[in-house]
Amino acid sequence: MTQSSDALVEVLGALADPVRLGIVQLLVDGEEWAGTTLARRLGVSRALLCHHSAILLKAGLVTRRKQGKVGYLRLNAKGLRGPLKRLLSELA
């Protein structure tokens, strides 16, 4: 596999879970969301949100910032756009 194929597999794998897809959908507005707010909106525990956000971070789909005890997530649109653009261009 090529490096771009590996990146695409990682992005698609990260999006293949309903909780992770839900996180990305909530972050699509470009705003930064507190982890506790995301967990509440998705109906999951903070521990489960932390697990899923770590996978999204590893795939480059979100960024995380910590302020005190609160962690904030933001969508990394470039991390999502790049691999998906390459896939679409290969399909064309």
PDB file of N, CA and C in Angstrom:
ATOM      1  N   MET A   1       0.832  -1.182   0.000  1.00  0.00           N
ATOM      2  CA  MET A   1       0.000   0.000   0.000  1.00  0.00           C
ATOM      3  C   MET A   1       0.876   1.246   0.000  1.00  0.00           C
ATOM      4  N   THR A   2       0.385   2.290  -0.631  1.00  0.00           N
ATOM      5  CA  THR A   2       1.114   3.559  -0.635  1.00  0.00           C
ATOM      6  C   THR A   2       0.782   4.337   0.625  1.00  0.00           C
ATOM      7  N   GLN A   3       1.553   5.388   0.852  1.00  0.00           N
ATOM      8  CA  GLN A   3       1.321   6.226   2.026  1.00  0.00           C
ATOM      9  C   GLN A   3      -0.056   6.880   1.964  1.00  0.00           C
ATOM     10  N   SER A   4      -0.470   7.327   0.774  1.00  0.00           N
ATOM     11  CA  SER A   4      -1.793   7.949   0.662  1.00  0.00           C
ATOM     12  C   SER A   4      -2.901   6.919   0.871  1.00  0.00           C
ATOM     13  N   SER A   5      -2.662   5.676   0.459  1.00  0.00           N
ATOM     14  CA  SER A   5      -3.642   4.615   0.704  1.00  0.00           C
ATOM     15  C   SER A   5      -3.757   4.328   2.193  1.00  0.00           C
ATOM     16  N   ASP A   6      -2.616   4.305   2.877  1.00  0.00           N
ATOM     17  CA  ASP A   6      -2.621   4.086   4.326  1.00  0.00           C
ATOM     18  C   ASP A   6      -3.408   5.178   5.036  1.00  0.00           C
ATOM     19  N   ALA A   7      -3.208   6.423   4.611  1.00  0.00           N
ATOM     20  CA  ALA A   7      -3.916   7.548   5.230  1.00  0.00           C
ATOM     21  C   ALA A   7      -5.415   7.425   4.985  1.00  0.00           C
ATOM     22  N   LEU A   8      -5.798   7.035   3.795  1.00  0.00           N
ATOM     23  CA  LEU A   8      -7.213   6.878   3.469  1.00  0.00           C
ATOM     24  C   LEU A   8      -7.841   5.765   4.302  1.00  0.00           C
ATOM     25  N   VAL A   9      -7.141   4.649   4.440  1.00  0.00           N
ATOM     26  CA  VAL A   9      -7.645   3.535   5.248  1.00  0.00           C
ATOM     27  C   VAL A   9      -7.832   3.991   6.700  1.00  0.00           C
ATOM     28  N   GLU A  10      -6.878   4.748   7.212  1.00  0.00           N
ATOM     29  CA  GLU A  10      -6.980   5.222   8.591  1.00  0.00           C
ATOM     30  C   GLU A  10      -8.168   6.178   8.762  1.00  0.00           C
ATOM     31  N   VAL A  11      -8.360   7.089   7.811  1.00  0.00           N
ATOM     32  CA  VAL A  11      -9.478   8.041   7.888  1.00  0.00           C
ATOM     33  C   VAL A  11     -10.814   7.313   7.780  1.00  0.00           C
ATOM     34  N   LEU A  12     -10.932   6.435   6.795  1.00  0.00           N
ATOM     35  CA  LEU A  12     -12.203   5.715   6.623  1.00  0.00           C
ATOM     36  C   LEU A  12     -12.483   4.800   7.812  1.00  0.00           C
ATOM     37  N   GLY A  13     -11.433   4.176   8.356  1.00  0.00           N
ATOM     38  CA  GLY A  13     -11.604   3.341   9.538  1.00  0.00           C
ATOM     39  C   GLY A  13     -12.070   4.153  10.736  1.00  0.00           C
ATOM     40  N   ALA A  14     -11.510   5.348  10.877  1.00  0.00           N
ATOM     41  CA  ALA A  14     -11.910   6.216  11.989  1.00  0.00           C
ATOM     42  C   ALA A  14     -13.365   6.646  11.850  1.00  0.00           C
ATOM     43  N   LEU A  15     -13.815   6.856  10.637  1.00  0.00           N
ATOM     44  CA  LEU A  15     -15.195   7.308  10.399  1.00  0.00           C
ATOM     45  C   LEU A  15     -16.202   6.161  10.394  1.00  0.00           C
ATOM     46  N   ALA A  16     -15.721   4.923  10.413  1.00  0.00           N
ATOM     47  CA  ALA A  16     -16.602   3.756  10.298  1.00  0.00           C
ATOM     48  C   ALA A  16     -17.392   3.454  11.564  1.00  0.00           C
ATOM     49  N   ASP A  17     -17.074   4.123  12.650  1.00  0.00           N
ATOM     50  CA  ASP A  17     -17.795   3.895  13.902  1.00  0.00           C
ATOM     51  C   ASP A  17     -18.859   4.974  14.096  1.00  0.00           C
ATOM     52  N   PRO A  18     -20.078   4.616  14.488  1.00  0.00           N
ATOM     53  CA  PRO A  18     -21.153   5.607  14.641  1.00  0.00           C
ATOM     54  C   PRO A  18     -20.839   6.723  15.650  1.00  0.00           C
ATOM     55  N   VAL A  19     -20.142   6.402  16.734  1.00  0.00           N
ATOM     56  CA  VAL A  19     -19.811   7.444  17.715  1.00  0.00           C
ATOM     57  C   VAL A  19     -18.799   8.416  17.122  1.00  0.00           C
ATOM     58  N   ARG A  20     -17.767   7.885  16.464  1.00  0.00           N
ATOM     59  CA  ARG A  20     -16.756   8.770  15.868  1.00  0.00           C
ATOM     60  C   ARG A  20     -17.346   9.602  14.746  1.00  0.00           C
ATOM     61  N   LEU A  21     -18.208   9.007  13.944  1.00  0.00           N
ATOM     62  CA  LEU A  21     -18.871   9.776  12.888  1.00  0.00           C
ATOM     63  C   LEU A  21     -19.737  10.868  13.505  1.00  0.00           C
ATOM     64  N   GLY A  22     -20.398  10.554  14.615  1.00  0.00           N
ATOM     65  CA  GLY A  22     -21.209  11.552  15.306  1.00  0.00           C
ATOM     66  C   GLY A  22     -20.372  12.717  15.817  1.00  0.00           C
ATOM     67  N   ILE A  23     -19.181  12.414  16.334  1.00  0.00           N
ATOM     68  CA  ILE A  23     -18.282  13.473  16.791  1.00  0.00           C
ATOM     69  C   ILE A  23     -17.932  14.393  15.631  1.00  0.00           C
ATOM     70  N   VAL A  24     -17.535  13.801  14.516  1.00  0.00           N
ATOM     71  CA  VAL A  24     -17.154  14.594  13.338  1.00  0.00           C
ATOM     72  C   VAL A  24     -18.342  15.424  12.857  1.00  0.00           C
ATOM     73  N   GLN A  25     -19.525  14.850  12.831  1.00  0.00           N
ATOM     74  CA  GLN A  25     -20.709  15.593  12.386  1.00  0.00           C
ATOM     75  C   GLN A  25     -20.999  16.787  13.289  1.00  0.00           C
ATOM     76  N   LEU A  26     -20.808  16.625  14.592  1.00  0.00           N
ATOM     77  CA  LEU A  26     -21.029  17.753  15.499  1.00  0.00           C
ATOM     78  C   LEU A  26     -19.956  18.827  15.336  1.00  0.00           C
ATOM     79  N   LEU A  27     -18.748  18.417  14.995  1.00  0.00           N
ATOM     80  CA  LEU A  27     -17.649  19.374  14.859  1.00  0.00           C
ATOM     81  C   LEU A  27     -17.600  20.057  13.500  1.00  0.00           C
ATOM     82  N   VAL A  28     -18.431  19.632  12.586  1.00  0.00           N
ATOM     83  CA  VAL A  28     -18.381  20.138  11.211  1.00  0.00           C
ATOM     84  C   VAL A  28     -18.659  21.654  11.137  1.00  0.00           C
ATOM     85  N   ASP A  29     -19.290  22.204  12.157  1.00  0.00           N
ATOM     86  CA  ASP A  29     -19.573  23.642  12.148  1.00  0.00           C
ATOM     87  C   ASP A  29     -18.318  24.493  12.324  1.00  0.00           C
ATOM     88  N   GLY A  30     -17.180  23.841  12.607  1.00  0.00           N
ATOM     89  CA  GLY A  30     -15.917  24.567  12.744  1.00  0.00           C
ATOM     90  C   GLY A  30     -15.659  25.074  14.152  1.00  0.00           C
ATOM     91  N   GLU A  31     -16.632  24.910  15.021  1.00  0.00           N
ATOM     92  CA  GLU A  31     -16.470  25.368  16.397  1.00  0.00           C
ATOM     93  C   GLU A  31     -15.706  24.334  17.224  1.00  0.00           C
ATOM     94  N   GLU A  32     -15.194  24.808  18.333  1.00  0.00           N
ATOM     95  CA  GLU A  32     -14.503  23.958  19.288  1.00  0.00           C
ATOM     96  C   GLU A  32     -15.541  23.509  20.324  1.00  0.00           C
ATOM     97  N   TRP A  33     -15.566  22.224  20.619  1.00  0.00           N
ATOM     98  CA  TRP A  33     -16.532  21.679  21.571  1.00  0.00           C
ATOM     99  C   TRP A  33     -15.814  21.057  22.757  1.00  0.00           C
ATOM    100  N   ALA A  34     -16.343  21.280  23.950  1.00  0.00           N
ATOM    101  CA  ALA A  34     -15.818  20.625  25.151  1.00  0.00           C
ATOM    102  C   ALA A  34     -16.180  19.149  25.086  1.00  0.00           C
ATOM    103  N   GLY A  35     -15.273  18.302  25.542  1.00  0.00           N
ATOM    104  CA  GLY A  35     -15.520  16.865  25.536  1.00  0.00           C
ATOM    105  C   GLY A  35     -16.773  16.485  26.303  1.00  0.00           C
ATOM    106  N   THR A  36     -17.005  17.130  27.424  1.00  0.00           N
ATOM    107  CA  THR A  36     -18.199  16.827  28.219  1.00  0.00           C
ATOM    108  C   THR A  36     -19.472  17.146  27.447  1.00  0.00           C
ATOM    109  N   THR A  37     -19.464  18.219  26.688  1.00  0.00           N
ATOM    110  CA  THR A  37     -20.633  18.591  25.881  1.00  0.00           C
ATOM    111  C   THR A  37     -20.853  17.583  24.765  1.00  0.00           C
ATOM    112  N   LEU A  38     -19.776  17.188  24.110  1.00  0.00           N
ATOM    113  CA  LEU A  38     -19.894  16.184  23.051  1.00  0.00           C
ATOM    114  C   LEU A  38     -20.439  14.875  23.601  1.00  0.00           C
ATOM    115  N   ALA A  39     -19.910  14.439  24.745  1.00  0.00           N
ATOM    116  CA  ALA A  39     -20.363  13.184  25.353  1.00  0.00           C
ATOM    117  C   ALA A  39     -21.857  13.253  25.666  1.00  0.00           C
ATOM    118  N   ARG A  40     -22.290  14.370  26.221  1.00  0.00           N
ATOM    119  CA  ARG A  40     -23.706  14.528  26.560  1.00  0.00           C
ATOM    120  C   ARG A  40     -24.577  14.517  25.300  1.00  0.00           C
ATOM    121  N   ARG A  41     -24.157  15.242  24.277  1.00  0.00           N
ATOM    122  CA  ARG A  41     -24.931  15.296  23.030  1.00  0.00           C
ATOM    123  C   ARG A  41     -25.027  13.936  22.352  1.00  0.00           C
ATOM    124  N   LEU A  42     -23.971  13.131  22.464  1.00  0.00           N
ATOM    125  CA  LEU A  42     -23.943  11.820  21.822  1.00  0.00           C
ATOM    126  C   LEU A  42     -24.512  10.715  22.700  1.00  0.00           C
ATOM    127  N   GLY A  43     -24.744  11.026  23.971  1.00  0.00           N
ATOM    128  CA  GLY A  43     -25.286  10.021  24.886  1.00  0.00           C
ATOM    129  C   GLY A  43     -24.287   8.940  25.254  1.00  0.00           C
ATOM    130  N   VAL A  44     -23.006   9.321  25.365  1.00  0.00           N
ATOM    131  CA  VAL A  44     -21.957   8.367  25.733  1.00  0.00           C
ATOM    132  C   VAL A  44     -21.224   8.880  26.965  1.00  0.00           C
ATOM    133  N   SER A  45     -20.484   7.999  27.611  1.00  0.00           N
ATOM    134  CA  SER A  45     -19.689   8.413  28.765  1.00  0.00           C
ATOM    135  C   SER A  45     -18.474   9.221  28.304  1.00  0.00           C
ATOM    136  N   ARG A  46     -17.915   9.976  29.226  1.00  0.00           N
ATOM    137  CA  ARG A  46     -16.700  10.738  28.893  1.00  0.00           C
ATOM    138  C   ARG A  46     -15.552   9.789  28.568  1.00  0.00           C
ATOM    139  N   ALA A  47     -15.496   8.652  29.257  1.00  0.00           N
ATOM    140  CA  ALA A  47     -14.432   7.670  28.984  1.00  0.00           C
ATOM    141  C   ALA A  47     -14.535   7.136  27.553  1.00  0.00           C
ATOM    142  N   LEU A  48     -15.760   6.843  27.121  1.00  0.00           N
ATOM    143  CA  LEU A  48     -15.947   6.343  25.757  1.00  0.00           C
ATOM    144  C   LEU A  48     -15.624   7.444  24.739  1.00  0.00           C
ATOM    145  N   LEU A  49     -16.012   8.671  25.041  1.00  0.00           N
ATOM    146  CA  LEU A  49     -15.683   9.784  24.149  1.00  0.00           C
ATOM    147  C   LEU A  49     -14.169   9.944  24.046  1.00  0.00           C
ATOM    148  N   CYS A  50     -13.481   9.809  25.165  1.00  0.00           N
ATOM    149  CA  CYS A  50     -12.018   9.928  25.169  1.00  0.00           C
ATOM    150  C   CYS A  50     -11.387   8.847  24.289  1.00  0.00           C
ATOM    151  N   HIS A  51     -11.890   7.624  24.393  1.00  0.00           N
ATOM    152  CA  HIS A  51     -11.397   6.519  23.562  1.00  0.00           C
ATOM    153  C   HIS A  51     -11.568   6.839  22.076  1.00  0.00           C
ATOM    154  N   HIS A  52     -12.755   7.272  21.698  1.00  0.00           N
ATOM    155  CA  HIS A  52     -13.037   7.548  20.286  1.00  0.00           C
ATOM    156  C   HIS A  52     -12.299   8.789  19.788  1.00  0.00           C
ATOM    157  N   SER A  53     -12.174   9.803  20.636  1.00  0.00           N
ATOM    158  CA  SER A  53     -11.463  11.003  20.195  1.00  0.00           C
ATOM    159  C   SER A  53      -9.980  10.710  19.980  1.00  0.00           C
ATOM    160  N   ALA A  54      -9.415   9.777  20.746  1.00  0.00           N
ATOM    161  CA  ALA A  54      -8.009   9.393  20.539  1.00  0.00           C
ATOM    162  C   ALA A  54      -7.811   8.774  19.153  1.00  0.00           C
ATOM    163  N   ILE A  55      -8.765   7.996  18.700  1.00  0.00           N
ATOM    164  CA  ILE A  55      -8.689   7.393  17.356  1.00  0.00           C
ATOM    165  C   ILE A  55      -8.799   8.479  16.290  1.00  0.00           C
ATOM    166  N   LEU A  56      -9.702   9.430  16.501  1.00  0.00           N
ATOM    167  CA  LEU A  56      -9.845  10.538  15.549  1.00  0.00           C
ATOM    168  C   LEU A  56      -8.592  11.407  15.537  1.00  0.00           C
ATOM    169  N   LEU A  57      -7.984  11.617  16.689  1.00  0.00           N
ATOM    170  CA  LEU A  57      -6.727  12.378  16.761  1.00  0.00           C
ATOM    171  C   LEU A  57      -5.618  11.671  15.991  1.00  0.00           C
ATOM    172  N   LYS A  58      -5.504  10.362  16.198  1.00  0.00           N
ATOM    173  CA  LYS A  58      -4.465   9.578  15.511  1.00  0.00           C
ATOM    174  C   LYS A  58      -4.650   9.629  13.996  1.00  0.00           C
ATOM    175  N   ALA A  59      -5.896   9.649  13.549  1.00  0.00           N
ATOM    176  CA  ALA A  59      -6.180   9.710  12.108  1.00  0.00           C
ATOM    177  C   ALA A  59      -6.036  11.129  11.553  1.00  0.00           C
ATOM    178  N   GLY A  60      -5.800  12.099  12.427  1.00  0.00           N
ATOM    179  CA  GLY A  60      -5.620  13.483  11.980  1.00  0.00           C
ATOM    180  C   GLY A  60      -6.924  14.205  11.684  1.00  0.00           C
ATOM    181  N   LEU A  61      -8.041  13.677  12.173  1.00  0.00           N
ATOM    182  CA  LEU A  61      -9.344  14.268  11.861  1.00  0.00           C
ATOM    183  C   LEU A  61      -9.767  15.350  12.838  1.00  0.00           C
ATOM    184  N   VAL A  62      -9.201  15.346  14.032  1.00  0.00           N
ATOM    185  CA  VAL A  62      -9.521  16.374  15.016  1.00  0.00           C
ATOM    186  C   VAL A  62      -8.244  16.865  15.680  1.00  0.00           C
ATOM    187  N   THR A  63      -8.357  18.035  16.273  1.00  0.00           N
ATOM    188  CA  THR A  63      -7.286  18.556  17.123  1.00  0.00           C
ATOM    189  C   THR A  63      -7.862  18.677  18.527  1.00  0.00           C
ATOM    190  N   ARG A  64      -6.979  18.655  19.500  1.00  0.00           N
ATOM    191  CA  ARG A  64      -7.429  18.740  20.888  1.00  0.00           C
ATOM    192  C   ARG A  64      -6.625  19.808  21.602  1.00  0.00           C
ATOM    193  N   ARG A  65      -7.335  20.557  22.422  1.00  0.00           N
ATOM    194  CA  ARG A  65      -6.710  21.579  23.249  1.00  0.00           C
ATOM    195  C   ARG A  65      -7.235  21.386  24.657  1.00  0.00           C
ATOM    196  N   LYS A  66      -6.356  21.515  25.619  1.00  0.00           N
ATOM    197  CA  LYS A  66      -6.773  21.345  27.003  1.00  0.00           C
ATOM    198  C   LYS A  66      -6.662  22.684  27.712  1.00  0.00           C
ATOM    199  N   GLN A  67      -7.701  23.014  28.458  1.00  0.00           N
ATOM    200  CA  GLN A  67      -7.686  24.229  29.270  1.00  0.00           C
ATOM    201  C   GLN A  67      -8.117  23.821  30.677  1.00  0.00           C
ATOM    202  N   GLY A  68      -7.162  23.797  31.577  1.00  0.00           N
ATOM    203  CA  GLY A  68      -7.448  23.283  32.911  1.00  0.00           C
ATOM    204  C   GLY A  68      -7.754  21.797  32.816  1.00  0.00           C
ATOM    205  N   LYS A  69      -8.900  21.396  33.334  1.00  0.00           N
ATOM    206  CA  LYS A  69      -9.302  19.989  33.288  1.00  0.00           C
ATOM    207  C   LYS A  69     -10.193  19.672  32.096  1.00  0.00           C
ATOM    208  N   VAL A  70     -10.512  20.685  31.313  1.00  0.00           N
ATOM    209  CA  VAL A  70     -11.452  20.496  30.198  1.00  0.00           C
ATOM    210  C   VAL A  70     -10.692  20.346  28.883  1.00  0.00           C
ATOM    211  N   GLY A  71     -11.033  19.294  28.136  1.00  0.00           N
ATOM    212  CA  GLY A  71     -10.453  19.080  26.811  1.00  0.00           C
ATOM    213  C   GLY A  71     -11.432  19.545  25.742  1.00  0.00           C
ATOM    214  N   TYR A  72     -10.924  20.234  24.743  1.00  0.00           N
ATOM    215  CA  TYR A  72     -11.747  20.756  23.652  1.00  0.00           C
ATOM    216  C   TYR A  72     -11.315  20.119  22.344  1.00  0.00           C
ATOM    217  N   LEU A  73     -12.274  19.734  21.533  1.00  0.00           N
ATOM    218  CA  LEU A  73     -11.998  19.146  20.224  1.00  0.00           C
ATOM    219  C   LEU A  73     -12.464  20.080  19.125  1.00  0.00           C
ATOM    220  N   ARG A  74     -11.729  20.051  18.028  1.00  0.00           N
ATOM    221  CA  ARG A  74     -12.088  20.825  16.831  1.00  0.00           C
ATOM    222  C   ARG A  74     -11.789  19.951  15.624  1.00  0.00           C
ATOM    223  N   LEU A  75     -12.625  20.040  14.612  1.00  0.00           N
ATOM    224  CA  LEU A  75     -12.406  19.279  13.385  1.00  0.00           C
ATOM    225  C   LEU A  75     -11.177  19.801  12.658  1.00  0.00           C
ATOM    226  N   ASN A  76     -10.342  18.900  12.182  1.00  0.00           N
ATOM    227  CA  ASN A  76      -9.217  19.256  11.330  1.00  0.00           C
ATOM    228  C   ASN A  76      -9.659  18.962   9.897  1.00  0.00           C
ATOM    229  N   ALA A  77     -10.259  19.957   9.271  1.00  0.00           N
ATOM    230  CA  ALA A  77     -10.848  19.766   7.942  1.00  0.00           C
ATOM    231  C   ALA A  77      -9.816  19.282   6.929  1.00  0.00           C
ATOM    232  N   LYS A  78      -8.565  19.737   7.037  1.00  0.00           N
ATOM    233  CA  LYS A  78      -7.524  19.290   6.100  1.00  0.00           C
ATOM    234  C   LYS A  78      -7.281  17.793   6.232  1.00  0.00           C
ATOM    235  N   GLY A  79      -7.330  17.289   7.463  1.00  0.00           N
ATOM    236  CA  GLY A  79      -7.123  15.866   7.700  1.00  0.00           C
ATOM    237  C   GLY A  79      -8.203  15.018   7.068  1.00  0.00           C
ATOM    238  N   LEU A  80      -9.375  15.584   6.935  1.00  0.00           N
ATOM    239  CA  LEU A  80     -10.506  14.883   6.311  1.00  0.00           C
ATOM    240  C   LEU A  80     -10.508  15.092   4.804  1.00  0.00           C
ATOM    241  N   ARG A  81     -10.275  16.333   4.401  1.00  0.00           N
ATOM    242  CA  ARG A  81     -10.355  16.693   2.982  1.00  0.00           C
ATOM    243  C   ARG A  81      -9.292  16.010   2.126  1.00  0.00           C
ATOM    244  N   GLY A  82      -8.054  15.997   2.610  1.00  0.00           N
ATOM    245  CA  GLY A  82      -6.943  15.457   1.812  1.00  0.00           C
ATOM    246  C   GLY A  82      -7.161  14.027   1.336  1.00  0.00           C
ATOM    247  N   PRO A  83      -7.329  13.077   2.255  1.00  0.00           N
ATOM    248  CA  PRO A  83      -7.518  11.686   1.824  1.00  0.00           C
ATOM    249  C   PRO A  83      -8.788  11.484   0.990  1.00  0.00           C
ATOM    250  N   LEU A  84      -9.858  12.185   1.341  1.00  0.00           N
ATOM    251  CA  LEU A  84     -11.096  12.013   0.575  1.00  0.00           C
ATOM    252  C   LEU A  84     -10.976  12.599  -0.830  1.00  0.00           C
ATOM    253  N   LYS A  85     -10.244  13.708  -0.958  1.00  0.00           N
ATOM    254  CA  LYS A  85     -10.014  14.301  -2.288  1.00  0.00           C
ATOM    255  C   LYS A  85      -9.242  13.334  -3.176  1.00  0.00           C
ATOM    256  N   ARG A  86      -8.197  12.712  -2.582  1.00  0.00           N
ATOM    257  CA  ARG A  86      -7.399  11.749  -3.355  1.00  0.00           C
ATOM    258  C   ARG A  86      -8.264  10.569  -3.805  1.00  0.00           C
ATOM    259  N   LEU A  87      -9.141  10.104  -2.930  1.00  0.00           N
ATOM    260  CA  LEU A  87     -10.023   8.991  -3.291  1.00  0.00           C
ATOM    261  C   LEU A  87     -10.935   9.399  -4.440  1.00  0.00           C
ATOM    262  N   LEU A  88     -11.556  10.562  -4.333  1.00  0.00           N
ATOM    263  CA  LEU A  88     -12.465  11.021  -5.382  1.00  0.00           C
ATOM    264  C   LEU A  88     -11.749  11.233  -6.700  1.00  0.00           C
ATOM    265  N   SER A  89     -10.521  11.729  -6.650  1.00  0.00           N
ATOM    266  CA  SER A  89      -9.784  11.949  -7.900  1.00  0.00           C
ATOM    267  C   SER A  89      -9.420  10.608  -8.556  1.00  0.00           C
ATOM    268  N   GLU A  90      -9.169   9.588  -7.743  1.00  0.00           N
ATOM    269  CA  GLU A  90      -8.868   8.265  -8.296  1.00  0.00           C
ATOM    270  C   GLU A  90     -10.105   7.619  -8.904  1.00  0.00           C
ATOM    271  N   LEU A  91     -11.270   7.967  -8.386  1.00  0.00           N
ATOM    272  CA  LEU A  91     -12.521   7.411  -8.915  1.00  0.00           C
ATOM    273  C   LEU A  91     -12.973   8.100 -10.204  1.00  0.00           C
ATOM    274  N   ALA A  92     -12.486   9.309 -10.408  1.00  0.00           N
ATOM    275  CA  ALA A  92     -12.929  10.077 -11.585  1.00  0.00           C
ATOM    276  C   ALA A  92     -12.303   9.565 -12.866  1.00  0.00           C
TER     277      ALA A  92
END
